[in-house]
Amino acid sequence: RRPIAVLPSMALLALAIVALATAAVDQTCPSTNRALVLRHRPEVGVHMSPSNFEIVELPKPADLGEGKVLVRNLYASLDPTQRIWATDDAQYMVPASLGEPMRAATIGVVEQSNEPSLPVGSHVVGVGGLQQYYVTSAAEGAVDVGEDMPLTSHLSVLSFIIGLTAWVGTYDILDVQAGDTVVISGGAGAVGSLAGQLAKMRGARVIGIVGSDAKAQWLTSELGFDGAVSYKDGEVALVAALRAAAPNGVDKYFDNTGGVSTEAVLKAMNNGARIALCGVISGYNSGEMGLSNYQVRGSQGRARCAR
């Protein structure tokens, strides 16, 4: 995944990863387990802040049961969906637990093992949380990912959060075909940028919605998107830009953001178009996730959730 700016609500998580990575960098073996614990759930309309979390020293897991392994986390994935997990709202997974290490996809190295298929030194992907150590097993889904691919690829293009979401949304829900015009909000994000490349592999015309000229340039010059438009100038300007970039209308929409981007795309969609509802990033903090023109456009397309 390309380096990106950390969102304000995720800044503490980024700092925590730096803190949790200290042992890995120093090649030391701590006797305790440093963890970022979720103390308070974020309130609607308020950004997550240090007051929601606490960095604590927990006992390092000692006694392993049969088939169990002790994993030292090397990398953790920061994803907008963690803003959802931190709430107690109805969602696609059980909410993250208060008083426990914040949920996160991780990749780590096995330091102790009671499982022959996961020997010491093997690399394991899992939901290890924002902590230095955790205990898991093959029965819980732990798999030795080998060394054929860069380790971080298992938290991006090959991850169950990023890669699988982009694949299912593009190929299953949208069923992108050659000749389709596909629009992706959050086009320069982890999921959006991958979804766009997958759509291009099917022969579609792909347009990304972004928030800066630099992101637009990256999509069109490096990732092969056919166009990129900005949402920063408001809905009216975005509708005009979309109609110029997609003169024959929009056939498929991969929605990561909701908000002004979605309002604009709905005004440019063809009858029978499909929408993959992946995220509503624009409303995660404000709680404002409604659509003003959904009733007008709802009969003209079909929508399914990518997660």
C-alpha atoms as a PDB file:
ATOM      1  CA  ARG A   1       0.000   0.000   0.000  1.00  0.00           C
ATOM      2  CA  ARG A   2       1.331   3.473  -0.867  1.00  0.00           C
ATOM      3  CA  PRO A   3       2.104   5.800   2.046  1.00  0.00           C
ATOM      4  CA  ILE A   4      -0.919   7.957   2.918  1.00  0.00           C
ATOM      5  CA  ALA A   5      -1.631  10.752   5.362  1.00  0.00           C
ATOM      6  CA  VAL A   6      -3.081   9.489   8.637  1.00  0.00           C
ATOM      7  CA  LEU A   7      -6.595  10.743   9.357  1.00  0.00           C
ATOM      8  CA  PRO A   8      -6.889  12.826  12.569  1.00  0.00           C
ATOM      9  CA  SER A   9      -9.185  10.231  14.148  1.00  0.00           C
ATOM     10  CA  MET A  10      -6.576   7.542  13.503  1.00  0.00           C
ATOM     11  CA  ALA A  11      -3.528   9.489  14.687  1.00  0.00           C
ATOM     12  CA  LEU A  12      -3.350   7.797  18.094  1.00  0.00           C
ATOM     13  CA  LEU A  13      -3.584   4.380  16.455  1.00  0.00           C
ATOM     14  CA  ALA A  14      -0.601   5.308  14.316  1.00  0.00           C
ATOM     15  CA  LEU A  15       1.347   6.445  17.373  1.00  0.00           C
ATOM     16  CA  ALA A  16       0.445   3.215  19.104  1.00  0.00           C
ATOM     17  CA  ILE A  17       1.816   1.145  16.259  1.00  0.00           C
ATOM     18  CA  VAL A  18       5.081   3.059  16.519  1.00  0.00           C
ATOM     19  CA  ALA A  19       5.161   2.280  20.232  1.00  0.00           C
ATOM     20  CA  LEU A  20       4.234  -1.356  19.745  1.00  0.00           C
ATOM     21  CA  ALA A  21       6.884  -1.765  17.064  1.00  0.00           C
ATOM     22  CA  THR A  22       9.719  -0.704  19.362  1.00  0.00           C
ATOM     23  CA  ALA A  23      10.538  -4.254  20.407  1.00  0.00           C
ATOM     24  CA  ALA A  24      10.586  -5.487  16.824  1.00  0.00           C
ATOM     25  CA  VAL A  25      12.972  -2.738  15.762  1.00  0.00           C
ATOM     26  CA  ASP A  26      15.266  -3.276  18.727  1.00  0.00           C
ATOM     27  CA  GLN A  27      15.146  -7.070  18.301  1.00  0.00           C
ATOM     28  CA  THR A  28      14.275  -7.448  21.976  1.00  0.00           C
ATOM     29  CA  CYS A  29      11.834  -9.814  23.676  1.00  0.00           C
ATOM     30  CA  PRO A  30       9.780  -7.879  26.230  1.00  0.00           C
ATOM     31  CA  SER A  31       8.540  -9.644  29.332  1.00  0.00           C
ATOM     32  CA  THR A  32       5.229  -7.776  29.104  1.00  0.00           C
ATOM     33  CA  ASN A  33       2.673  -7.204  26.359  1.00  0.00           C
ATOM     34  CA  ARG A  34       2.248  -3.535  25.410  1.00  0.00           C
ATOM     35  CA  ALA A  35      -1.230  -2.895  24.051  1.00  0.00           C
ATOM     36  CA  LEU A  36      -3.567  -0.104  22.950  1.00  0.00           C
ATOM     37  CA  VAL A  37      -6.776  -0.724  24.881  1.00  0.00           C
ATOM     38  CA  LEU A  38     -10.170   0.703  23.897  1.00  0.00           C
ATOM     39  CA  ARG A  39     -11.425   2.527  27.025  1.00  0.00           C
ATOM     40  CA  HIS A  40     -14.330   4.631  25.760  1.00  0.00           C
ATOM     41  CA  ARG A  41     -16.464   4.402  22.637  1.00  0.00           C
ATOM     42  CA  PRO A  42     -16.416   7.430  20.306  1.00  0.00           C
ATOM     43  CA  GLU A  43     -19.425   9.707  20.424  1.00  0.00           C
ATOM     44  CA  VAL A  44     -21.450  10.683  17.372  1.00  0.00           C
ATOM     45  CA  GLY A  45     -20.160  13.949  15.941  1.00  0.00           C
ATOM     46  CA  VAL A  46     -16.814  13.685  17.742  1.00  0.00           C
ATOM     47  CA  HIS A  47     -13.497  12.508  16.314  1.00  0.00           C
ATOM     48  CA  MET A  48     -11.739   9.675  18.082  1.00  0.00           C
ATOM     49  CA  SER A  49      -9.046  11.023  20.377  1.00  0.00           C
ATOM     50  CA  PRO A  50      -6.446   9.841  22.904  1.00  0.00           C
ATOM     51  CA  SER A  51      -9.209   9.829  25.535  1.00  0.00           C
ATOM     52  CA  ASN A  52     -10.779   6.816  23.802  1.00  0.00           C
ATOM     53  CA  PHE A  53      -7.655   4.707  24.332  1.00  0.00           C
ATOM     54  CA  GLU A  54      -4.930   3.821  26.781  1.00  0.00           C
ATOM     55  CA  ILE A  55      -1.539   2.252  26.199  1.00  0.00           C
ATOM     56  CA  VAL A  56      -1.015  -0.375  28.890  1.00  0.00           C
ATOM     57  CA  GLU A  57       1.439  -3.099  29.843  1.00  0.00           C
ATOM     58  CA  LEU A  58      -0.364  -6.457  30.018  1.00  0.00           C
ATOM     59  CA  PRO A  59       1.110  -9.790  31.122  1.00  0.00           C
ATOM     60  CA  LYS A  60       2.868 -11.527  28.272  1.00  0.00           C
ATOM     61  CA  PRO A  61       1.046 -14.817  27.474  1.00  0.00           C
ATOM     62  CA  ALA A  62       3.032 -17.624  29.088  1.00  0.00           C
ATOM     63  CA  ASP A  63       1.318 -21.014  29.094  1.00  0.00           C
ATOM     64  CA  LEU A  64       0.259 -22.257  25.680  1.00  0.00           C
ATOM     65  CA  GLY A  65      -2.358 -24.961  25.323  1.00  0.00           C
ATOM     66  CA  GLU A  66      -2.277 -27.778  22.810  1.00  0.00           C
ATOM     67  CA  GLY A  67      -2.264 -26.513  19.225  1.00  0.00           C
ATOM     68  CA  LYS A  68      -1.633 -22.912  20.313  1.00  0.00           C
ATOM     69  CA  VAL A  69       1.101 -20.511  19.164  1.00  0.00           C
ATOM     70  CA  LEU A  70       2.464 -17.261  20.566  1.00  0.00           C
ATOM     71  CA  VAL A  71       2.730 -14.586  17.873  1.00  0.00           C
ATOM     72  CA  ARG A  72       4.722 -11.359  18.106  1.00  0.00           C
ATOM     73  CA  ASN A  73       3.040  -8.761  15.904  1.00  0.00           C
ATOM     74  CA  LEU A  74       5.239  -7.051  13.325  1.00  0.00           C
ATOM     75  CA  TYR A  75       2.668  -5.007  11.388  1.00  0.00           C
ATOM     76  CA  ALA A  76      -0.883  -3.822  12.027  1.00  0.00           C
ATOM     77  CA  SER A  77      -3.394  -2.466   9.552  1.00  0.00           C
ATOM     78  CA  LEU A  78      -5.051   0.939  10.091  1.00  0.00           C
ATOM     79  CA  ASP A  79      -8.459   0.980   8.399  1.00  0.00           C
ATOM     80  CA  PRO A  80     -11.496   3.310   8.470  1.00  0.00           C
ATOM     81  CA  THR A  81     -13.601   0.346   9.575  1.00  0.00           C
ATOM     82  CA  GLN A  82     -11.919   0.561  12.979  1.00  0.00           C
ATOM     83  CA  ARG A  83     -14.021   3.687  13.548  1.00  0.00           C
ATOM     84  CA  ILE A  84     -17.074   1.420  13.182  1.00  0.00           C
ATOM     85  CA  TRP A  85     -15.649  -1.392  15.308  1.00  0.00           C
ATOM     86  CA  ALA A  86     -15.033   1.042  18.171  1.00  0.00           C
ATOM     87  CA  THR A  87     -18.752   1.863  18.404  1.00  0.00           C
ATOM     88  CA  ASP A  88     -21.522  -0.311  19.791  1.00  0.00           C
ATOM     89  CA  ASP A  89     -23.685   0.282  16.703  1.00  0.00           C
ATOM     90  CA  ALA A  90     -25.162  -2.681  14.835  1.00  0.00           C
ATOM     91  CA  GLN A  91     -22.467  -3.688  12.326  1.00  0.00           C
ATOM     92  CA  TYR A  92     -21.100  -6.567  10.275  1.00  0.00           C
ATOM     93  CA  MET A  93     -18.955  -7.836  13.186  1.00  0.00           C
ATOM     94  CA  VAL A  94     -19.359  -7.854  16.946  1.00  0.00           C
ATOM     95  CA  PRO A  95     -18.205  -4.428  18.238  1.00  0.00           C
ATOM     96  CA  ALA A  96     -14.687  -4.197  19.627  1.00  0.00           C
ATOM     97  CA  SER A  97     -14.707  -4.880  23.364  1.00  0.00           C
ATOM     98  CA  LEU A  98     -14.038  -2.164  25.910  1.00  0.00           C
ATOM     99  CA  GLY A  99     -11.016  -2.869  28.081  1.00  0.00           C
ATOM    100  CA  GLU A 100      -9.431  -5.067  25.398  1.00  0.00           C
ATOM    101  CA  PRO A 101      -6.688  -4.348  22.815  1.00  0.00           C
ATOM    102  CA  MET A 102      -8.189  -2.479  19.865  1.00  0.00           C
ATOM    103  CA  ARG A 103      -9.116  -4.851  17.065  1.00  0.00           C
ATOM    104  CA  ALA A 104      -6.802  -4.794  14.038  1.00  0.00           C
ATOM    105  CA  ALA A 105      -5.614  -7.114  11.318  1.00  0.00           C
ATOM    106  CA  THR A 106      -1.976  -8.019  11.951  1.00  0.00           C
ATOM    107  CA  ILE A 107       0.902 -10.066  10.664  1.00  0.00           C
ATOM    108  CA  GLY A 108       3.472 -11.453  13.071  1.00  0.00           C
ATOM    109  CA  VAL A 109       6.118 -14.076  13.673  1.00  0.00           C
ATOM    110  CA  VAL A 110       5.605 -17.227  15.748  1.00  0.00           C
ATOM    111  CA  GLU A 111       7.863 -17.180  18.830  1.00  0.00           C
ATOM    112  CA  GLN A 112       6.530 -20.260  20.627  1.00  0.00           C
ATOM    113  CA  SER A 113       4.578 -23.115  19.106  1.00  0.00           C
ATOM    114  CA  ASN A 114       2.599 -26.184  20.117  1.00  0.00           C
ATOM    115  CA  GLU A 115       1.389 -26.642  16.532  1.00  0.00           C
ATOM    116  CA  PRO A 116       3.546 -28.474  13.921  1.00  0.00           C
ATOM    117  CA  SER A 117       1.954 -26.591  11.003  1.00  0.00           C
ATOM    118  CA  LEU A 118       2.970 -23.255  12.558  1.00  0.00           C
ATOM    119  CA  PRO A 119       6.618 -23.660  13.552  1.00  0.00           C
ATOM    120  CA  VAL A 120       8.697 -21.044  15.346  1.00  0.00           C
ATOM    121  CA  GLY A 121       9.745 -18.384  12.850  1.00  0.00           C
ATOM    122  CA  SER A 122       6.737 -18.745  10.558  1.00  0.00           C
ATOM    123  CA  HIS A 123       4.667 -15.680   9.697  1.00  0.00           C
ATOM    124  CA  VAL A 124       0.989 -15.610  10.582  1.00  0.00           C
ATOM    125  CA  VAL A 125      -1.854 -13.288   9.538  1.00  0.00           C
ATOM    126  CA  GLY A 126      -4.760 -12.790  11.895  1.00  0.00           C
ATOM    127  CA  VAL A 127      -6.837 -10.342  13.909  1.00  0.00           C
ATOM    128  CA  GLY A 128      -4.124  -9.974  16.514  1.00  0.00           C
ATOM    129  CA  GLY A 129      -5.124  -6.512  17.672  1.00  0.00           C
ATOM    130  CA  LEU A 130      -2.979  -3.513  18.543  1.00  0.00           C
ATOM    131  CA  GLN A 131      -0.693  -5.336  20.943  1.00  0.00           C
ATOM    132  CA  GLN A 132       2.763  -6.858  20.834  1.00  0.00           C
ATOM    133  CA  TYR A 133       1.706 -10.455  21.461  1.00  0.00           C
ATOM    134  CA  TYR A 134      -1.334 -12.668  21.085  1.00  0.00           C
ATOM    135  CA  VAL A 135      -2.135 -16.370  21.198  1.00  0.00           C
ATOM    136  CA  THR A 136      -3.859 -18.106  18.305  1.00  0.00           C
ATOM    137  CA  SER A 137      -4.121 -21.492  16.567  1.00  0.00           C
ATOM    138  CA  ALA A 138      -4.689 -23.146  13.208  1.00  0.00           C
ATOM    139  CA  ALA A 139      -8.234 -23.914  14.357  1.00  0.00           C
ATOM    140  CA  GLU A 140      -8.790 -20.143  14.718  1.00  0.00           C
ATOM    141  CA  GLY A 141      -7.630 -19.514  11.155  1.00  0.00           C
ATOM    142  CA  ALA A 142      -3.904 -18.932  11.662  1.00  0.00           C
ATOM    143  CA  VAL A 143      -1.962 -19.883   8.514  1.00  0.00           C
ATOM    144  CA  ASP A 144       1.734 -19.767   7.674  1.00  0.00           C
ATOM    145  CA  VAL A 145       1.772 -17.252   4.782  1.00  0.00           C
ATOM    146  CA  GLY A 146       5.293 -18.152   3.703  1.00  0.00           C
ATOM    147  CA  GLU A 147       7.791 -15.749   2.188  1.00  0.00           C
ATOM    148  CA  ASP A 148       6.778 -15.646  -1.481  1.00  0.00           C
ATOM    149  CA  MET A 149       5.145 -12.212  -1.100  1.00  0.00           C
ATOM    150  CA  PRO A 150       6.157  -9.123   0.883  1.00  0.00           C
ATOM    151  CA  LEU A 151       4.761  -9.443   4.400  1.00  0.00           C
ATOM    152  CA  THR A 152       2.822  -6.176   4.193  1.00  0.00           C
ATOM    153  CA  SER A 153       0.939  -7.390   1.111  1.00  0.00           C
ATOM    154  CA  HIS A 154      -1.055  -9.622   3.456  1.00  0.00           C
ATOM    155  CA  LEU A 155      -2.459  -6.466   5.065  1.00  0.00           C
ATOM    156  CA  SER A 156      -3.243  -4.777   1.743  1.00  0.00           C
ATOM    157  CA  VAL A 157      -3.824  -6.437  -1.623  1.00  0.00           C
ATOM    158  CA  LEU A 158      -4.079  -9.923  -0.085  1.00  0.00           C
ATOM    159  CA  SER A 159      -5.897  -8.928   3.093  1.00  0.00           C
ATOM    160  CA  PHE A 160      -9.392  -9.956   4.102  1.00  0.00           C
ATOM    161  CA  ILE A 161     -10.164  -6.293   4.903  1.00  0.00           C
ATOM    162  CA  ILE A 162      -8.731  -4.614   1.797  1.00  0.00           C
ATOM    163  CA  GLY A 163      -8.168  -7.153  -0.962  1.00  0.00           C
ATOM    164  CA  LEU A 164     -11.191  -9.364  -0.359  1.00  0.00           C
ATOM    165  CA  THR A 165     -13.511  -6.368  -0.009  1.00  0.00           C
ATOM    166  CA  ALA A 166     -12.323  -4.895  -3.312  1.00  0.00           C
ATOM    167  CA  TRP A 167     -12.610  -8.278  -5.064  1.00  0.00           C
ATOM    168  CA  VAL A 168     -16.122  -9.086  -3.835  1.00  0.00           C
ATOM    169  CA  GLY A 169     -17.408  -5.575  -4.463  1.00  0.00           C
ATOM    170  CA  THR A 170     -15.994  -5.382  -7.991  1.00  0.00           C
ATOM    171  CA  TYR A 171     -16.453  -8.903  -9.324  1.00  0.00           C
ATOM    172  CA  ASP A 172     -19.356 -10.317  -7.311  1.00  0.00           C
ATOM    173  CA  ILE A 173     -21.645  -7.431  -6.336  1.00  0.00           C
ATOM    174  CA  LEU A 174     -20.986  -5.093  -9.263  1.00  0.00           C
ATOM    175  CA  ASP A 175     -20.180  -7.894 -11.712  1.00  0.00           C
ATOM    176  CA  VAL A 176     -18.075  -5.471 -13.743  1.00  0.00           C
ATOM    177  CA  GLN A 177     -17.890  -6.307 -17.432  1.00  0.00           C
ATOM    178  CA  ALA A 178     -15.961  -4.969 -20.421  1.00  0.00           C
ATOM    179  CA  GLY A 179     -17.427  -1.704 -21.588  1.00  0.00           C
ATOM    180  CA  ASP A 180     -18.964  -0.736 -18.231  1.00  0.00           C
ATOM    181  CA  THR A 181     -18.388   2.743 -16.872  1.00  0.00           C
ATOM    182  CA  VAL A 182     -17.373   2.346 -13.217  1.00  0.00           C
ATOM    183  CA  VAL A 183     -17.099   5.174 -10.693  1.00  0.00           C
ATOM    184  CA  ILE A 184     -15.317   4.697  -7.360  1.00  0.00           C
ATOM    185  CA  SER A 185     -15.595   7.140  -4.468  1.00  0.00           C
ATOM    186  CA  GLY A 186     -12.537   7.226  -2.245  1.00  0.00           C
ATOM    187  CA  GLY A 187     -10.746   6.218  -5.428  1.00  0.00           C
ATOM    188  CA  ALA A 188      -7.253   6.740  -3.991  1.00  0.00           C
ATOM    189  CA  GLY A 189      -7.950   4.800  -0.801  1.00  0.00           C
ATOM    190  CA  ALA A 190      -6.747   1.285  -0.083  1.00  0.00           C
ATOM    191  CA  VAL A 191      -9.955  -0.450  -1.209  1.00  0.00           C
ATOM    192  CA  GLY A 192     -10.906   2.059  -3.902  1.00  0.00           C
ATOM    193  CA  SER A 193      -7.546   2.062  -5.673  1.00  0.00           C
ATOM    194  CA  LEU A 194      -7.532  -1.734  -5.791  1.00  0.00           C
ATOM    195  CA  ALA A 195     -11.160  -1.949  -6.929  1.00  0.00           C
ATOM    196  CA  GLY A 196     -10.351   0.397  -9.799  1.00  0.00           C
ATOM    197  CA  GLN A 197      -7.468  -1.759 -10.962  1.00  0.00           C
ATOM    198  CA  LEU A 198      -9.633  -4.875 -10.772  1.00  0.00           C
ATOM    199  CA  ALA A 199     -12.299  -3.159 -12.871  1.00  0.00           C
ATOM    200  CA  LYS A 200      -9.695  -2.168 -15.452  1.00  0.00           C
ATOM    201  CA  MET A 201      -8.647  -5.819 -15.690  1.00  0.00           C
ATOM    202  CA  ARG A 202     -12.209  -6.573 -16.825  1.00  0.00           C
ATOM    203  CA  GLY A 203     -12.029  -3.922 -19.549  1.00  0.00           C
ATOM    204  CA  ALA A 204     -14.153  -1.257 -17.848  1.00  0.00           C
ATOM    205  CA  ARG A 205     -13.830   2.512 -18.065  1.00  0.00           C
ATOM    206  CA  VAL A 206     -12.910   3.619 -14.527  1.00  0.00           C
ATOM    207  CA  ILE A 207     -13.301   7.045 -12.935  1.00  0.00           C
ATOM    208  CA  GLY A 208     -12.120   7.777  -9.406  1.00  0.00           C
ATOM    209  CA  ILE A 209     -13.502  10.442  -7.087  1.00  0.00           C
ATOM    210  CA  VAL A 210     -10.691  12.021  -5.047  1.00  0.00           C
ATOM    211  CA  GLY A 211      -9.878  15.038  -2.919  1.00  0.00           C
ATOM    212  CA  SER A 212      -6.649  16.371  -4.421  1.00  0.00           C
ATOM    213  CA  ASP A 213      -4.812  16.860  -7.698  1.00  0.00           C
ATOM    214  CA  ALA A 214      -1.982  14.640  -6.457  1.00  0.00           C
ATOM    215  CA  LYS A 215      -4.355  11.734  -5.892  1.00  0.00           C
ATOM    216  CA  ALA A 216      -5.971  12.281  -9.286  1.00  0.00           C
ATOM    217  CA  GLN A 217      -2.559  12.240 -10.936  1.00  0.00           C
ATOM    218  CA  TRP A 218      -1.621   9.019  -9.132  1.00  0.00           C
ATOM    219  CA  LEU A 219      -4.789   7.249 -10.263  1.00  0.00           C
ATOM    220  CA  THR A 220      -4.492   8.217 -13.910  1.00  0.00           C
ATOM    221  CA  SER A 221      -0.716   8.080 -14.385  1.00  0.00           C
ATOM    222  CA  GLU A 222       0.221   5.080 -12.257  1.00  0.00           C
ATOM    223  CA  LEU A 223      -2.887   2.940 -11.722  1.00  0.00           C
ATOM    224  CA  GLY A 224      -4.416   3.280 -15.162  1.00  0.00           C
ATOM    225  CA  PHE A 225      -7.720   4.934 -14.228  1.00  0.00           C
ATOM    226  CA  ASP A 226      -9.363   6.604 -17.222  1.00  0.00           C
ATOM    227  CA  GLY A 227     -10.235   9.708 -15.251  1.00  0.00           C
ATOM    228  CA  ALA A 228     -10.417  11.297 -11.821  1.00  0.00           C
ATOM    229  CA  VAL A 229     -12.716  14.027 -10.509  1.00  0.00           C
ATOM    230  CA  SER A 230     -12.723  16.017  -7.259  1.00  0.00           C
ATOM    231  CA  TYR A 231     -15.525  16.257  -4.723  1.00  0.00           C
ATOM    232  CA  LYS A 232     -13.997  19.323  -3.060  1.00  0.00           C
ATOM    233  CA  ASP A 233     -15.937  21.867  -5.166  1.00  0.00           C
ATOM    234  CA  GLY A 234     -19.349  20.559  -4.109  1.00  0.00           C
ATOM    235  CA  GLU A 235     -22.138  18.481  -5.584  1.00  0.00           C
ATOM    236  CA  VAL A 236     -23.069  20.690  -8.557  1.00  0.00           C
ATOM    237  CA  ALA A 237     -19.489  20.853  -9.834  1.00  0.00           C
ATOM    238  CA  LEU A 238     -19.000  17.124  -9.218  1.00  0.00           C
ATOM    239  CA  VAL A 239     -22.129  16.207 -11.173  1.00  0.00           C
ATOM    240  CA  ALA A 240     -20.861  18.276 -14.098  1.00  0.00           C
ATOM    241  CA  ALA A 241     -17.417  16.685 -13.904  1.00  0.00           C
ATOM    242  CA  LEU A 242     -18.910  13.182 -13.777  1.00  0.00           C
ATOM    243  CA  ARG A 243     -21.141  13.814 -16.783  1.00  0.00           C
ATOM    244  CA  ALA A 244     -18.125  15.090 -18.709  1.00  0.00           C
ATOM    245  CA  ALA A 245     -15.998  12.095 -17.719  1.00  0.00           C
ATOM    246  CA  ALA A 246     -18.846   9.612 -18.263  1.00  0.00           C
ATOM    247  CA  PRO A 247     -20.959  11.028 -21.113  1.00  0.00           C
ATOM    248  CA  ASN A 248     -22.820   7.725 -21.496  1.00  0.00           C
ATOM    249  CA  GLY A 249     -23.712   7.566 -17.809  1.00  0.00           C
ATOM    250  CA  VAL A 250     -22.514   5.426 -14.903  1.00  0.00           C
ATOM    251  CA  ASP A 251     -23.176   1.676 -14.954  1.00  0.00           C
ATOM    252  CA  LYS A 252     -21.471   0.581 -11.720  1.00  0.00           C
ATOM    253  CA  TYR A 253     -20.656   2.529  -8.551  1.00  0.00           C
ATOM    254  CA  PHE A 254     -18.284   1.321  -5.810  1.00  0.00           C
ATOM    255  CA  ASP A 255     -19.135   3.560  -2.848  1.00  0.00           C
ATOM    256  CA  ASN A 256     -16.584   4.013  -0.066  1.00  0.00           C
ATOM    257  CA  THR A 257     -17.586   7.450   1.188  1.00  0.00           C
ATOM    258  CA  GLY A 258     -21.276   8.298   0.886  1.00  0.00           C
ATOM    259  CA  GLY A 259     -21.943  12.024   1.230  1.00  0.00           C
ATOM    260  CA  VAL A 260     -21.555  14.493  -1.613  1.00  0.00           C
ATOM    261  CA  SER A 261     -19.825  11.932  -3.848  1.00  0.00           C
ATOM    262  CA  THR A 262     -22.760   9.542  -3.708  1.00  0.00           C
ATOM    263  CA  GLU A 263     -25.340  12.295  -4.111  1.00  0.00           C
ATOM    264  CA  ALA A 264     -23.571  13.379  -7.307  1.00  0.00           C
ATOM    265  CA  VAL A 265     -23.092   9.879  -8.727  1.00  0.00           C
ATOM    266  CA  LEU A 266     -26.782   9.064  -8.261  1.00  0.00           C
ATOM    267  CA  LYS A 267     -27.583  11.929 -10.625  1.00  0.00           C
ATOM    268  CA  ALA A 268     -25.331  10.465 -13.316  1.00  0.00           C
ATOM    269  CA  MET A 269     -26.338   6.790 -13.111  1.00  0.00           C
ATOM    270  CA  ASN A 270     -28.001   4.792 -15.841  1.00  0.00           C
ATOM    271  CA  ASN A 271     -31.217   2.841 -15.301  1.00  0.00           C
ATOM    272  CA  GLY A 272     -30.458  -0.628 -13.936  1.00  0.00           C
ATOM    273  CA  ALA A 273     -27.059   0.432 -12.614  1.00  0.00           C
ATOM    274  CA  ARG A 274     -25.488  -1.403  -9.684  1.00  0.00           C
ATOM    275  CA  ILE A 275     -24.026  -0.007  -6.458  1.00  0.00           C
ATOM    276  CA  ALA A 276     -21.639  -1.756  -4.071  1.00  0.00           C
ATOM    277  CA  LEU A 277     -22.080  -0.113  -0.662  1.00  0.00           C
ATOM    278  CA  CYS A 278     -18.700  -0.557   0.987  1.00  0.00           C
ATOM    279  CA  GLY A 279     -18.337   2.408   3.340  1.00  0.00           C
ATOM    280  CA  VAL A 280     -19.676   5.793   4.403  1.00  0.00           C
ATOM    281  CA  ILE A 281     -16.437   7.400   5.505  1.00  0.00           C
ATOM    282  CA  SER A 282     -17.872  10.914   5.211  1.00  0.00           C
ATOM    283  CA  GLY A 283     -20.344  10.152   8.008  1.00  0.00           C
ATOM    284  CA  TYR A 284     -18.389   7.971  10.426  1.00  0.00           C
ATOM    285  CA  ASN A 285     -17.660  10.888  12.748  1.00  0.00           C
ATOM    286  CA  SER A 286     -20.695  13.085  12.104  1.00  0.00           C
ATOM    287  CA  GLY A 287     -23.255  10.288  12.009  1.00  0.00           C
ATOM    288  CA  GLU A 288     -24.832  11.920   8.939  1.00  0.00           C
ATOM    289  CA  MET A 289     -25.212   9.092   6.447  1.00  0.00           C
ATOM    290  CA  GLY A 290     -28.560   9.771   4.765  1.00  0.00           C
ATOM    291  CA  LEU A 291     -29.222  10.528   1.104  1.00  0.00           C
ATOM    292  CA  SER A 292     -31.365  13.436  -0.025  1.00  0.00           C
ATOM    293  CA  ASN A 293     -32.155  12.059  -3.482  1.00  0.00           C
ATOM    294  CA  TYR A 294     -32.295   8.331  -2.734  1.00  0.00           C
ATOM    295  CA  GLN A 295     -36.059   8.146  -3.276  1.00  0.00           C
ATOM    296  CA  VAL A 296     -35.710   9.639  -6.750  1.00  0.00           C
ATOM    297  CA  ARG A 297     -32.982   7.276  -7.891  1.00  0.00           C
ATOM    298  CA  GLY A 298     -33.778   4.160  -5.885  1.00  0.00           C
ATOM    299  CA  SER A 299     -35.990   2.602  -8.563  1.00  0.00           C
ATOM    300  CA  GLN A 300     -33.274   2.939 -11.194  1.00  0.00           C
ATOM    301  CA  GLY A 301     -30.650   0.648  -9.732  1.00  0.00           C
ATOM    302  CA  ARG A 302     -29.736  -2.143  -7.336  1.00  0.00           C
ATOM    303  CA  ALA A 303     -27.538  -1.834  -4.283  1.00  0.00           C
ATOM    304  CA  ARG A 304     -25.767  -4.456  -2.163  1.00  0.00           C
ATOM    305  CA  CYS A 305     -23.247  -4.223   0.654  1.00  0.00           C
ATOM    306  CA  ALA A 306     -19.615  -5.184   0.061  1.00  0.00           C
ATOM    307  CA  ARG A 307     -19.086  -5.941   3.762  1.00  0.00           C
END
